[in-house]
PDB file of N, CA and C in Angstrom:
ATOM      1  N   MET A   1     105.260 106.575  88.238  1.00  0.00           N
ATOM      2  CA  MET A   1     104.358 106.404  89.356  1.00  0.00           C
ATOM      3  C   MET A   1     103.288 107.483  89.321  1.00  0.00           C
ATOM      4  N   ARG A   2     102.117 107.096  89.743  1.00  0.00           N
ATOM      5  CA  ARG A   2     101.058 108.047  90.004  1.00  0.00           C
ATOM      6  C   ARG A   2     100.439 107.614  91.325  1.00  0.00           C
ATOM      7  N   SER A   3      99.946 108.559  92.093  1.00  0.00           N
ATOM      8  CA  SER A   3      99.369 108.179  93.380  1.00  0.00           C
ATOM      9  C   SER A   3      98.225 109.102  93.764  1.00  0.00           C
ATOM     10  N   VAL A   4      97.442 108.601  94.696  1.00  0.00           N
ATOM     11  CA  VAL A   4      96.350 109.367  95.279  1.00  0.00           C
ATOM     12  C   VAL A   4      96.260 108.947  96.742  1.00  0.00           C
ATOM     13  N   ARG A   5      95.823 109.887  97.582  1.00  0.00           N
ATOM     14  CA  ARG A   5      95.708 109.546  98.997  1.00  0.00           C
ATOM     15  C   ARG A   5      94.504 110.217  99.612  1.00  0.00           C
ATOM     16  N   THR A   6      94.088 109.617 100.691  1.00  0.00           N
ATOM     17  CA  THR A   6      93.049 110.176 101.548  1.00  0.00           C
ATOM     18  C   THR A   6      93.696 110.294 102.925  1.00  0.00           C
ATOM     19  N   PRO A   7      93.001 110.809 103.913  1.00  0.00           N
ATOM     20  CA  PRO A   7      93.618 110.847 105.246  1.00  0.00           C
ATOM     21  C   PRO A   7      94.026 109.450 105.749  1.00  0.00           C
ATOM     22  N   LYS A   8      93.315 108.403 105.331  1.00  0.00           N
ATOM     23  CA  LYS A   8      93.604 107.055 105.802  1.00  0.00           C
ATOM     24  C   LYS A   8      94.430 106.210 104.834  1.00  0.00           C
ATOM     25  N   TRP A   9      94.258 106.408 103.534  1.00  0.00           N
ATOM     26  CA  TRP A   9      94.835 105.507 102.545  1.00  0.00           C
ATOM     27  C   TRP A   9      95.770 106.214 101.576  1.00  0.00           C
ATOM     28  N   LYS A  10      96.761 105.453 101.096  1.00  0.00           N
ATOM     29  CA  LYS A  10      97.624 105.913 100.010  1.00  0.00           C
ATOM     30  C   LYS A  10      97.687 104.803  98.974  1.00  0.00           C
ATOM     31  N   TYR A  11      97.397 105.164  97.730  1.00  0.00           N
ATOM     32  CA  TYR A  11      97.437 104.231  96.619  1.00  0.00           C
ATOM     33  C   TYR A  11      98.477 104.707  95.624  1.00  0.00           C
ATOM     34  N   ILE A  12      99.337 103.812  95.181  1.00  0.00           N
ATOM     35  CA  ILE A  12     100.366 104.124  94.187  1.00  0.00           C
ATOM     36  C   ILE A  12     100.208 103.161  93.022  1.00  0.00           C
ATOM     37  N   SER A  13     100.158 103.715  91.833  1.00  0.00           N
ATOM     38  CA  SER A  13     100.145 102.926  90.612  1.00  0.00           C
ATOM     39  C   SER A  13     101.513 103.081  89.962  1.00  0.00           C
ATOM     40  N   ASN A  14     102.248 102.013  89.878  1.00  0.00           N
ATOM     41  CA  ASN A  14     103.561 102.019  89.233  1.00  0.00           C
ATOM     42  C   ASN A  14     103.336 101.627  87.775  1.00  0.00           C
ATOM     43  N   LEU A  15     103.392 102.606  86.903  1.00  0.00           N
ATOM     44  CA  LEU A  15     102.992 102.421  85.516  1.00  0.00           C
ATOM     45  C   LEU A  15     103.885 101.449  84.757  1.00  0.00           C
ATOM     46  N   HIS A  16     105.100 101.322  85.185  1.00  0.00           N
ATOM     47  CA  HIS A  16     106.037 100.369  84.578  1.00  0.00           C
ATOM     48  C   HIS A  16     106.750  99.602  85.690  1.00  0.00           C
ATOM     49  N   PRO A  17     106.093  98.647  86.293  1.00  0.00           N
ATOM     50  CA  PRO A  17     106.742  97.911  87.387  1.00  0.00           C
ATOM     51  C   PRO A  17     107.960  97.112  86.932  1.00  0.00           C
ATOM     52  N   GLU A  18     108.098  96.922  85.636  1.00  0.00           N
ATOM     53  CA  GLU A  18     109.276  96.214  85.130  1.00  0.00           C
ATOM     54  C   GLU A  18     110.521  97.103  85.133  1.00  0.00           C
ATOM     55  N   TYR A  19     110.334  98.407  85.260  1.00  0.00           N
ATOM     56  CA  TYR A  19     111.462  99.339  85.320  1.00  0.00           C
ATOM     57  C   TYR A  19     112.044  99.368  86.733  1.00  0.00           C
ATOM     58  N   VAL A  20     113.290  99.729  86.825  1.00  0.00           N
ATOM     59  CA  VAL A  20     113.945  99.934  88.108  1.00  0.00           C
ATOM     60  C   VAL A  20     113.649 101.357  88.556  1.00  0.00           C
ATOM     61  N   CYS A  21     113.181 101.505  89.779  1.00  0.00           N
ATOM     62  CA  CYS A  21     112.858 102.814  90.332  1.00  0.00           C
ATOM     63  C   CYS A  21     114.112 103.458  90.923  1.00  0.00           C
ATOM     64  N   THR A  22     114.395 104.688  90.532  1.00  0.00           N
ATOM     65  CA  THR A  22     115.499 105.437  91.113  1.00  0.00           C
ATOM     66  C   THR A  22     115.040 106.867  91.380  1.00  0.00           C
ATOM     67  N   THR A  23     115.625 107.485  92.377  1.00  0.00           N
ATOM     68  CA  THR A  23     115.352 108.885  92.687  1.00  0.00           C
ATOM     69  C   THR A  23     116.646 109.515  93.177  1.00  0.00           C
ATOM     70  N   HIS A  24     116.534 110.723  93.685  1.00  0.00           N
ATOM     71  CA  HIS A  24     117.690 111.423  94.233  1.00  0.00           C
ATOM     72  C   HIS A  24     118.313 110.676  95.422  1.00  0.00           C
ATOM     73  N   ILE A  25     117.545 109.806  96.057  1.00  0.00           N
ATOM     74  CA  ILE A  25     118.054 109.103  97.232  1.00  0.00           C
ATOM     75  C   ILE A  25     119.215 108.187  96.869  1.00  0.00           C
ATOM     76  N   ASP A  26     119.095 107.482  95.754  1.00  0.00           N
ATOM     77  CA  ASP A  26     120.195 106.587  95.373  1.00  0.00           C
ATOM     78  C   ASP A  26     121.086 107.204  94.304  1.00  0.00           C
ATOM     79  N   GLN A  27     120.626 108.248  93.646  1.00  0.00           N
ATOM     80  CA  GLN A  27     121.416 108.904  92.599  1.00  0.00           C
ATOM     81  C   GLN A  27     121.994 110.204  93.146  1.00  0.00           C
ATOM     82  N   TYR A  28     122.743 110.107  94.212  1.00  0.00           N
ATOM     83  CA  TYR A  28     123.277 111.275  94.906  1.00  0.00           C
ATOM     84  C   TYR A  28     124.404 111.925  94.125  1.00  0.00           C
ATOM     85  N   VAL A  29     124.671 113.151  94.481  1.00  0.00           N
ATOM     86  CA  VAL A  29     125.852 113.847  93.989  1.00  0.00           C
ATOM     87  C   VAL A  29     126.896 113.724  95.083  1.00  0.00           C
ATOM     88  N   ARG A  30     128.053 113.268  94.744  1.00  0.00           N
ATOM     89  CA  ARG A  30     129.102 113.049  95.737  1.00  0.00           C
ATOM     90  C   ARG A  30     129.493 114.366  96.407  1.00  0.00           C
ATOM     91  N   ASN A  31     129.414 114.378  97.716  1.00  0.00           N
ATOM     92  CA  ASN A  31     129.803 115.551  98.487  1.00  0.00           C
ATOM     93  C   ASN A  31     131.301 115.509  98.770  1.00  0.00           C
ATOM     94  N   ILE A  32     131.883 116.670  98.938  1.00  0.00           N
ATOM     95  CA  ILE A  32     133.318 116.753  99.228  1.00  0.00           C
ATOM     96  C   ILE A  32     133.669 115.974 100.489  1.00  0.00           C
ATOM     97  N   ASP A  33     132.807 116.064 101.508  1.00  0.00           N
ATOM     98  CA  ASP A  33     133.095 115.392 102.774  1.00  0.00           C
ATOM     99  C   ASP A  33     132.524 113.970 102.834  1.00  0.00           C
ATOM    100  N   ASP A  34     131.988 113.456 101.710  1.00  0.00           N
ATOM    101  CA  ASP A  34     131.450 112.097 101.629  1.00  0.00           C
ATOM    102  C   ASP A  34     130.211 111.895 102.487  1.00  0.00           C
ATOM    103  N   SER A  35     129.568 112.966 102.913  1.00  0.00           N
ATOM    104  CA  SER A  35     128.342 112.816 103.698  1.00  0.00           C
ATOM    105  C   SER A  35     127.185 112.428 102.784  1.00  0.00           C
ATOM    106  N   GLY A  36     126.155 111.890 103.353  1.00  0.00           N
ATOM    107  CA  GLY A  36     124.971 111.540 102.592  1.00  0.00           C
ATOM    108  C   GLY A  36     125.127 110.322 101.718  1.00  0.00           C
ATOM    109  N   ARG A  37     126.032 109.429 102.060  1.00  0.00           N
ATOM    110  CA  ARG A  37     126.327 108.289 101.199  1.00  0.00           C
ATOM    111  C   ARG A  37     125.840 106.974 101.790  1.00  0.00           C
ATOM    112  N   TYR A  38     124.732 107.004 102.527  1.00  0.00           N
ATOM    113  CA  TYR A  38     124.269 105.772 103.167  1.00  0.00           C
ATOM    114  C   TYR A  38     123.729 104.755 102.176  1.00  0.00           C
ATOM    115  N   PHE A  39     123.075 105.194 101.101  1.00  0.00           N
ATOM    116  CA  PHE A  39     122.430 104.234 100.214  1.00  0.00           C
ATOM    117  C   PHE A  39     123.433 103.305  99.524  1.00  0.00           C
ATOM    118  N   PRO A  40     124.555 103.804  99.018  1.00  0.00           N
ATOM    119  CA  PRO A  40     125.529 102.881  98.427  1.00  0.00           C
ATOM    120  C   PRO A  40     126.024 101.825  99.425  1.00  0.00           C
ATOM    121  N   SER A  41     126.125 102.205 100.699  1.00  0.00           N
ATOM    122  CA  SER A  41     126.561 101.218 101.689  1.00  0.00           C
ATOM    123  C   SER A  41     125.500 100.143 101.878  1.00  0.00           C
ATOM    124  N   TRP A  42     124.229 100.507 101.742  1.00  0.00           N
ATOM    125  CA  TRP A  42     123.162  99.498 101.822  1.00  0.00           C
ATOM    126  C   TRP A  42     123.240  98.543 100.641  1.00  0.00           C
ATOM    127  N   ARG A  43     123.567  99.074  99.452  1.00  0.00           N
ATOM    128  CA  ARG A  43     123.689  98.211  98.266  1.00  0.00           C
ATOM    129  C   ARG A  43     124.792  97.183  98.455  1.00  0.00           C
ATOM    130  N   ARG A  44     125.860  97.566  99.126  1.00  0.00           N
ATOM    131  CA  ARG A  44     126.996  96.657  99.344  1.00  0.00           C
ATOM    132  C   ARG A  44     126.816  95.760 100.563  1.00  0.00           C
ATOM    133  N   SER A  45     125.855  96.051 101.385  1.00  0.00           N
ATOM    134  CA  SER A  45     125.669  95.346 102.652  1.00  0.00           C
ATOM    135  C   SER A  45     125.295  93.878 102.440  1.00  0.00           C
ATOM    136  N   THR A  46     125.753  93.044 103.355  1.00  0.00           N
ATOM    137  CA  THR A  46     125.338  91.636 103.358  1.00  0.00           C
ATOM    138  C   THR A  46     124.228  91.407 104.385  1.00  0.00           C
ATOM    139  N   ASP A  47     123.828  92.464 105.083  1.00  0.00           N
ATOM    140  CA  ASP A  47     122.744  92.368 106.053  1.00  0.00           C
ATOM    141  C   ASP A  47     121.425  92.127 105.320  1.00  0.00           C
ATOM    142  N   PRO A  48     120.689  91.063 105.658  1.00  0.00           N
ATOM    143  CA  PRO A  48     119.432  90.766 104.958  1.00  0.00           C
ATOM    144  C   PRO A  48     118.409  91.906 105.022  1.00  0.00           C
ATOM    145  N   ALA A  49     118.345  92.622 106.143  1.00  0.00           N
ATOM    146  CA  ALA A  49     117.391  93.731 106.259  1.00  0.00           C
ATOM    147  C   ALA A  49     117.742  94.844 105.272  1.00  0.00           C
ATOM    148  N   ALA A  50     119.010  95.178 105.165  1.00  0.00           N
ATOM    149  CA  ALA A  50     119.452  96.211 104.217  1.00  0.00           C
ATOM    150  C   ALA A  50     119.213  95.749 102.780  1.00  0.00           C
ATOM    151  N   GLN A  51     119.490  94.488 102.502  1.00  0.00           N
ATOM    152  CA  GLN A  51     119.260  93.958 101.153  1.00  0.00           C
ATOM    153  C   GLN A  51     117.779  94.035 100.775  1.00  0.00           C
ATOM    154  N   GLN A  52     116.900  93.761 101.728  1.00  0.00           N
ATOM    155  CA  GLN A  52     115.463  93.831 101.452  1.00  0.00           C
ATOM    156  C   GLN A  52     115.016  95.263 101.193  1.00  0.00           C
ATOM    157  N   ILE A  53     115.560  96.208 101.935  1.00  0.00           N
ATOM    158  CA  ILE A  53     115.235  97.623 101.712  1.00  0.00           C
ATOM    159  C   ILE A  53     115.643  98.034 100.305  1.00  0.00           C
ATOM    160  N   VAL A  54     116.847  97.662  99.910  1.00  0.00           N
ATOM    161  CA  VAL A  54     117.345  98.011  98.582  1.00  0.00           C
ATOM    162  C   VAL A  54     116.480  97.357  97.502  1.00  0.00           C
ATOM    163  N   LYS A  55     116.181  96.083  97.668  1.00  0.00           N
ATOM    164  CA  LYS A  55     115.367  95.368  96.682  1.00  0.00           C
ATOM    165  C   LYS A  55     113.987  96.006  96.538  1.00  0.00           C
ATOM    166  N   SER A  56     113.340  96.313  97.658  1.00  0.00           N
ATOM    167  CA  SER A  56     111.998  96.889  97.593  1.00  0.00           C
ATOM    168  C   SER A  56     112.018  98.333  97.094  1.00  0.00           C
ATOM    169  N   TYR A  57     113.140  99.004  97.225  1.00  0.00           N
ATOM    170  CA  TYR A  57     113.280 100.361  96.714  1.00  0.00           C
ATOM    171  C   TYR A  57     113.340 100.354  95.180  1.00  0.00           C
ATOM    172  N   TYR A  58     114.175  99.492  94.624  1.00  0.00           N
ATOM    173  CA  TYR A  58     114.375  99.455  93.182  1.00  0.00           C
ATOM    174  C   TYR A  58     113.256  98.755  92.428  1.00  0.00           C
ATOM    175  N   ARG A  59     112.701  97.732  93.015  1.00  0.00           N
ATOM    176  CA  ARG A  59     111.657  96.949  92.339  1.00  0.00           C
ATOM    177  C   ARG A  59     110.321  97.191  93.016  1.00  0.00           C
ATOM    178  N   ARG A  60     109.411  97.832  92.297  1.00  0.00           N
ATOM    179  CA  ARG A  60     108.110  98.180  92.846  1.00  0.00           C
ATOM    180  C   ARG A  60     107.033  97.326  92.178  1.00  0.00           C
ATOM    181  N   PRO A  61     106.035  96.901  92.945  1.00  0.00           N
ATOM    182  CA  PRO A  61     104.930  96.157  92.342  1.00  0.00           C
ATOM    183  C   PRO A  61     104.060  97.097  91.502  1.00  0.00           C
ATOM    184  N   ALA A  62     103.176  96.539  90.709  1.00  0.00           N
ATOM    185  CA  ALA A  62     102.300  97.352  89.864  1.00  0.00           C
ATOM    186  C   ALA A  62     101.424  98.285  90.700  1.00  0.00           C
ATOM    187  N   GLU A  63     101.004  97.811  91.869  1.00  0.00           N
ATOM    188  CA  GLU A  63     100.160  98.632  92.737  1.00  0.00           C
ATOM    189  C   GLU A  63     100.617  98.525  94.182  1.00  0.00           C
ATOM    190  N   GLU A  64     100.448  99.632  94.890  1.00  0.00           N
ATOM    191  CA  GLU A  64     100.742  99.670  96.318  1.00  0.00           C
ATOM    192  C   GLU A  64      99.570 100.339  97.023  1.00  0.00           C
ATOM    193  N   LEU A  65      99.218  99.792  98.171  1.00  0.00           N
ATOM    194  CA  LEU A  65      98.132 100.349  98.988  1.00  0.00           C
ATOM    195  C   LEU A  65      98.582 100.313 100.445  1.00  0.00           C
ATOM    196  N   TYR A  66      98.522 101.469 101.082  1.00  0.00           N
ATOM    197  CA  TYR A  66      98.967 101.565 102.473  1.00  0.00           C
ATOM    198  C   TYR A  66      97.883 102.184 103.345  1.00  0.00           C
ATOM    199  N   ASP A  67      97.703 101.612 104.508  1.00  0.00           N
ATOM    200  CA  ASP A  67      96.824 102.160 105.539  1.00  0.00           C
ATOM    201  C   ASP A  67      97.681 103.126 106.352  1.00  0.00           C
ATOM    202  N   LEU A  68      97.529 104.405 106.115  1.00  0.00           N
ATOM    203  CA  LEU A  68      98.400 105.409 106.730  1.00  0.00           C
ATOM    204  C   LEU A  68      98.202 105.553 108.226  1.00  0.00           C
ATOM    205  N   GLU A  69      97.040 105.168 108.730  1.00  0.00           N
ATOM    206  CA  GLU A  69      96.809 105.232 110.176  1.00  0.00           C
ATOM    207  C   GLU A  69      97.521 104.078 110.881  1.00  0.00           C
ATOM    208  N   ALA A  70      97.378 102.884 110.352  1.00  0.00           N
ATOM    209  CA  ALA A  70      97.987 101.706 110.975  1.00  0.00           C
ATOM    210  C   ALA A  70      99.453 101.540 110.597  1.00  0.00           C
ATOM    211  N   ASP A  71      99.863 102.100 109.454  1.00  0.00           N
ATOM    212  CA  ASP A  71     101.204 101.884 108.911  1.00  0.00           C
ATOM    213  C   ASP A  71     101.749 103.183 108.316  1.00  0.00           C
ATOM    214  N   PRO A  72     102.015 104.185 109.145  1.00  0.00           N
ATOM    215  CA  PRO A  72     102.456 105.478 108.618  1.00  0.00           C
ATOM    216  C   PRO A  72     103.800 105.417 107.885  1.00  0.00           C
ATOM    217  N   ALA A  73     104.611 104.412 108.151  1.00  0.00           N
ATOM    218  CA  ALA A  73     105.891 104.267 107.457  1.00  0.00           C
ATOM    219  C   ALA A  73     105.743 103.560 106.110  1.00  0.00           C
ATOM    220  N   GLU A  74     104.533 103.148 105.779  1.00  0.00           N
ATOM    221  CA  GLU A  74     104.228 102.502 104.498  1.00  0.00           C
ATOM    222  C   GLU A  74     105.114 101.282 104.251  1.00  0.00           C
ATOM    223  N   ARG A  75     105.101 100.371 105.186  1.00  0.00           N
ATOM    224  CA  ARG A  75     105.915  99.156 105.075  1.00  0.00           C
ATOM    225  C   ARG A  75     105.108  97.930 104.657  1.00  0.00           C
ATOM    226  N   ASN A  76     103.784  97.973 104.849  1.00  0.00           N
ATOM    227  CA  ASN A  76     102.952  96.808 104.585  1.00  0.00           C
ATOM    228  C   ASN A  76     102.010  97.098 103.412  1.00  0.00           C
ATOM    229  N   ASN A  77     102.391  96.634 102.228  1.00  0.00           N
ATOM    230  CA  ASN A  77     101.591  96.848 101.026  1.00  0.00           C
ATOM    231  C   ASN A  77     100.369  95.931 101.057  1.00  0.00           C
ATOM    232  N   LEU A  78      99.195  96.528 101.063  1.00  0.00           N
ATOM    233  CA  LEU A  78      97.939  95.785 101.174  1.00  0.00           C
ATOM    234  C   LEU A  78      97.253  95.563  99.828  1.00  0.00           C
ATOM    235  N   ALA A  79      97.877  95.947  98.732  1.00  0.00           N
ATOM    236  CA  ALA A  79      97.223  95.881  97.427  1.00  0.00           C
ATOM    237  C   ALA A  79      96.791  94.473  97.033  1.00  0.00           C
ATOM    238  N   ALA A  80      97.513  93.475  97.423  1.00  0.00           N
ATOM    239  CA  ALA A  80      97.181  92.094  97.045  1.00  0.00           C
ATOM    240  C   ALA A  80      96.239  91.421  98.046  1.00  0.00           C
ATOM    241  N   ASP A  81      95.904  92.122  99.113  1.00  0.00           N
ATOM    242  CA  ASP A  81      95.046  91.559 100.154  1.00  0.00           C
ATOM    243  C   ASP A  81      93.580  91.758  99.765  1.00  0.00           C
ATOM    244  N   SER A  82      92.869  90.661  99.548  1.00  0.00           N
ATOM    245  CA  SER A  82      91.475  90.722  99.078  1.00  0.00           C
ATOM    246  C   SER A  82      90.541  91.464 100.040  1.00  0.00           C
ATOM    247  N   ARG A  83      90.935  91.598 101.296  1.00  0.00           N
ATOM    248  CA  ARG A  83      90.097  92.333 102.251  1.00  0.00           C
ATOM    249  C   ARG A  83      89.981  93.813 101.901  1.00  0.00           C
ATOM    250  N   TYR A  84      90.890  94.314 101.066  1.00  0.00           N
ATOM    251  CA  TYR A  84      90.912  95.735 100.741  1.00  0.00           C
ATOM    252  C   TYR A  84      90.546  96.008  99.284  1.00  0.00           C
ATOM    253  N   LYS A  85      89.898  95.050  98.620  1.00  0.00           N
ATOM    254  CA  LYS A  85      89.594  95.224  97.199  1.00  0.00           C
ATOM    255  C   LYS A  85      88.648  96.399  96.944  1.00  0.00           C
ATOM    256  N   THR A  86      87.729  96.670  97.862  1.00  0.00           N
ATOM    257  CA  THR A  86      86.815  97.802  97.685  1.00  0.00           C
ATOM    258  C   THR A  86      87.575  99.125  97.794  1.00  0.00           C
ATOM    259  N   VAL A  87      88.460  99.225  98.758  1.00  0.00           N
ATOM    260  CA  VAL A  87      89.286 100.427  98.919  1.00  0.00           C
ATOM    261  C   VAL A  87      90.160 100.608  97.687  1.00  0.00           C
ATOM    262  N   LEU A  88      90.779  99.531  97.249  1.00  0.00           N
ATOM    263  CA  LEU A  88      91.656  99.578  96.083  1.00  0.00           C
ATOM    264  C   LEU A  88      90.890 100.037  94.842  1.00  0.00           C
ATOM    265  N   ARG A  89      89.723  99.479  94.624  1.00  0.00           N
ATOM    266  CA  ARG A  89      88.895  99.849  93.475  1.00  0.00           C
ATOM    267  C   ARG A  89      88.533 101.338  93.528  1.00  0.00           C
ATOM    268  N   SER A  90      88.143 101.820  94.689  1.00  0.00           N
ATOM    269  CA  SER A  90      87.773 103.219  94.856  1.00  0.00           C
ATOM    270  C   SER A  90      88.943 104.157  94.565  1.00  0.00           C
ATOM    271  N   LEU A  91      90.119 103.831  95.085  1.00  0.00           N
ATOM    272  CA  LEU A  91      91.285 104.690  94.873  1.00  0.00           C
ATOM    273  C   LEU A  91      91.783 104.624  93.433  1.00  0.00           C
ATOM    274  N   ARG A  92      91.673 103.467  92.798  1.00  0.00           N
ATOM    275  CA  ARG A  92      92.008 103.374  91.368  1.00  0.00           C
ATOM    276  C   ARG A  92      91.141 104.348  90.569  1.00  0.00           C
ATOM    277  N   GLN A  93      89.851 104.374  90.900  1.00  0.00           N
ATOM    278  CA  GLN A  93      88.915 105.247  90.195  1.00  0.00           C
ATOM    279  C   GLN A  93      89.240 106.714  90.454  1.00  0.00           C
ATOM    280  N   LYS A  94      89.542 107.059  91.700  1.00  0.00           N
ATOM    281  CA  LYS A  94      89.917 108.447  92.017  1.00  0.00           C
ATOM    282  C   LYS A  94      91.145 108.866  91.204  1.00  0.00           C
ATOM    283  N   LEU A  95      92.128 107.967  91.113  1.00  0.00           N
ATOM    284  CA  LEU A  95      93.338 108.278  90.359  1.00  0.00           C
ATOM    285  C   LEU A  95      93.022 108.408  88.873  1.00  0.00           C
ATOM    286  N   LYS A  96      92.181 107.555  88.361  1.00  0.00           N
ATOM    287  CA  LYS A  96      91.792 107.623  86.945  1.00  0.00           C
ATOM    288  C   LYS A  96      91.124 108.958  86.631  1.00  0.00           C
ATOM    289  N   VAL A  97      90.207 109.390  87.482  1.00  0.00           N
ATOM    290  CA  VAL A  97      89.514 110.670  87.290  1.00  0.00           C
ATOM    291  C   VAL A  97      90.518 111.817  87.343  1.00  0.00           C
ATOM    292  N   TRP A  98      91.415 111.795  88.321  1.00  0.00           N
ATOM    293  CA  TRP A  98      92.411 112.865  88.453  1.00  0.00           C
ATOM    294  C   TRP A  98      93.308 112.925  87.219  1.00  0.00           C
ATOM    295  N   ARG A  99      93.780 111.761  86.759  1.00  0.00           N
ATOM    296  CA  ARG A  99      94.658 111.731  85.583  1.00  0.00           C
ATOM    297  C   ARG A  99      93.938 112.291  84.364  1.00  0.00           C
ATOM    298  N   THR A 100      92.679 111.945  84.205  1.00  0.00           N
ATOM    299  CA  THR A 100      91.904 112.455  83.069  1.00  0.00           C
ATOM    300  C   THR A 100      91.780 113.967  83.145  1.00  0.00           C
ATOM    301  N   LYS A 101      91.465 114.485  84.334  1.00  0.00           N
ATOM    302  CA  LYS A 101      91.349 115.945  84.509  1.00  0.00           C
ATOM    303  C   LYS A 101      92.668 116.649  84.212  1.00  0.00           C
ATOM    304  N   GLN A 102      93.779 116.000  84.529  1.00  0.00           N
ATOM    305  CA  GLN A 102      95.091 116.600  84.310  1.00  0.00           C
ATOM    306  C   GLN A 102      95.602 116.421  82.880  1.00  0.00           C
ATOM    307  N   GLY A 103      94.891 115.626  82.096  1.00  0.00           N
ATOM    308  CA  GLY A 103      95.358 115.336  80.735  1.00  0.00           C
ATOM    309  C   GLY A 103      96.480 114.312  80.728  1.00  0.00           C
ATOM    310  N   ASP A 104      96.608 113.577  81.803  1.00  0.00           N
ATOM    311  CA  ASP A 104      97.663 112.571  81.958  1.00  0.00           C
ATOM    312  C   ASP A 104      97.124 111.223  81.465  1.00  0.00           C
ATOM    313  N   THR A 105      96.986 111.116  80.152  1.00  0.00           N
ATOM    314  CA  THR A 105      96.354 109.929  79.583  1.00  0.00           C
ATOM    315  C   THR A 105      97.283 109.126  78.674  1.00  0.00           C
ATOM    316  N   ARG A 106      98.441 109.683  78.355  1.00  0.00           N
ATOM    317  CA  ARG A 106      99.369 108.981  77.469  1.00  0.00           C
ATOM    318  C   ARG A 106     100.213 107.980  78.251  1.00  0.00           C
ATOM    319  N   PRO A 107     100.658 106.938  77.587  1.00  0.00           N
ATOM    320  CA  PRO A 107     101.570 106.010  78.270  1.00  0.00           C
ATOM    321  C   PRO A 107     102.910 106.690  78.542  1.00  0.00           C
ATOM    322  N   VAL A 108     103.607 106.188  79.514  1.00  0.00           N
ATOM    323  CA  VAL A 108     104.934 106.706  79.823  1.00  0.00           C
ATOM    324  C   VAL A 108     105.876 106.256  78.723  1.00  0.00           C
ATOM    325  N   GLU A 109     106.634 107.197  78.196  1.00  0.00           N
ATOM    326  CA  GLU A 109     107.541 106.889  77.093  1.00  0.00           C
ATOM    327  C   GLU A 109     108.976 106.924  77.560  1.00  0.00           C
ATOM    328  N   GLY A 110     109.832 106.333  76.781  1.00  0.00           N
ATOM    329  CA  GLY A 110     111.256 106.384  77.058  1.00  0.00           C
ATOM    330  C   GLY A 110     111.785 105.069  77.573  1.00  0.00           C
ATOM    331  N   THR A 111     113.068 105.057  77.775  1.00  0.00           N
ATOM    332  CA  THR A 111     113.765 103.879  78.267  1.00  0.00           C
ATOM    333  C   THR A 111     114.206 104.145  79.693  1.00  0.00           C
ATOM    334  N   PRO A 112     114.070 103.172  80.573  1.00  0.00           N
ATOM    335  CA  PRO A 112     114.505 103.395  81.955  1.00  0.00           C
ATOM    336  C   PRO A 112     116.018 103.615  82.039  1.00  0.00           C
ATOM    337  N   HIS A 113     116.424 104.378  83.029  1.00  0.00           N
ATOM    338  CA  HIS A 113     117.848 104.658  83.237  1.00  0.00           C
ATOM    339  C   HIS A 113     118.624 103.378  83.527  1.00  0.00           C
ATOM    340  N   PHE A 114     118.095 102.557  84.423  1.00  0.00           N
ATOM    341  CA  PHE A 114     118.731 101.287  84.748  1.00  0.00           C
ATOM    342  C   PHE A 114     117.846 100.146  84.288  1.00  0.00           C
ATOM    343  N   GLN A 115     118.429  99.189  83.619  1.00  0.00           N
ATOM    344  CA  GLN A 115     117.664  98.015  83.201  1.00  0.00           C
ATOM    345  C   GLN A 115     117.575  96.985  84.317  1.00  0.00           C
ATOM    346  N   GLU A 116     118.634  96.794  85.045  1.00  0.00           N
ATOM    347  CA  GLU A 116     118.669  95.800  86.104  1.00  0.00           C
ATOM    348  C   GLU A 116     118.787  96.406  87.487  1.00  0.00           C
ATOM    349  N   GLY A 117     119.253  97.608  87.582  1.00  0.00           N
ATOM    350  CA  GLY A 117     119.373  98.262  88.871  1.00  0.00           C
ATOM    351  C   GLY A 117     120.779  98.203  89.425  1.00  0.00           C
ATOM    352  N   PRO A 118     121.201  99.239  90.077  1.00  0.00           N
ATOM    353  CA  PRO A 118     122.558  99.300  90.630  1.00  0.00           C
ATOM    354  C   PRO A 118     122.637  98.620  91.988  1.00  0.00           C
ATOM    355  N   ILE A 119     122.164  97.400  92.081  1.00  0.00           N
ATOM    356  CA  ILE A 119     122.109  96.721  93.380  1.00  0.00           C
ATOM    357  C   ILE A 119     123.341  95.868  93.659  1.00  0.00           C
ATOM    358  N   ASP A 120     124.276  95.859  92.728  1.00  0.00           N
ATOM    359  CA  ASP A 120     125.470  95.052  92.957  1.00  0.00           C
ATOM    360  C   ASP A 120     126.602  95.835  93.595  1.00  0.00           C
ATOM    361  N   GLY A 121     126.339  97.099  93.936  1.00  0.00           N
ATOM    362  CA  GLY A 121     127.339  97.926  94.611  1.00  0.00           C
ATOM    363  C   GLY A 121     128.347  98.562  93.666  1.00  0.00           C
ATOM    364  N   LYS A 122     128.203  98.394  92.364  1.00  0.00           N
ATOM    365  CA  LYS A 122     129.169  98.930  91.404  1.00  0.00           C
ATOM    366  C   LYS A 122     128.901 100.386  91.043  1.00  0.00           C
ATOM    367  N   VAL A 123     127.682 100.855  91.283  1.00  0.00           N
ATOM    368  CA  VAL A 123     127.351 102.237  90.954  1.00  0.00           C
ATOM    369  C   VAL A 123     127.498 103.066  92.218  1.00  0.00           C
ATOM    370  N   ASP A 124     128.507 103.850  92.284  1.00  0.00           N
ATOM    371  CA  ASP A 124     128.738 104.707  93.457  1.00  0.00           C
ATOM    372  C   ASP A 124     128.893 106.123  93.026  1.00  0.00           C
TER     373      ASP A 124
END
């Protein structure tokens, strides 16, 4: 992932949307007292809302665009909405310039940790 933001907008470019996204949130270290284990329970949940959270966490679209003023929780991805194509184009360019300045021009290498994602509740 690479991202850029302004006070109003946040743009995320997911360089490999075919990969499963994981972070410390779902790849926890088991605590002695079993605290902090909410994410595995969401993976096992039959609640549609929990299933959608898990699905959207692991599978990210190629681009994400959020209006931080109207949607501070970043729940409504506007990247596919044609009304925001000018904003999207501008933020893509800002990110491109930043990546060039940082020397971040090579493709992401390596193999993803999960090919399909630990969404079946088997990874705890």
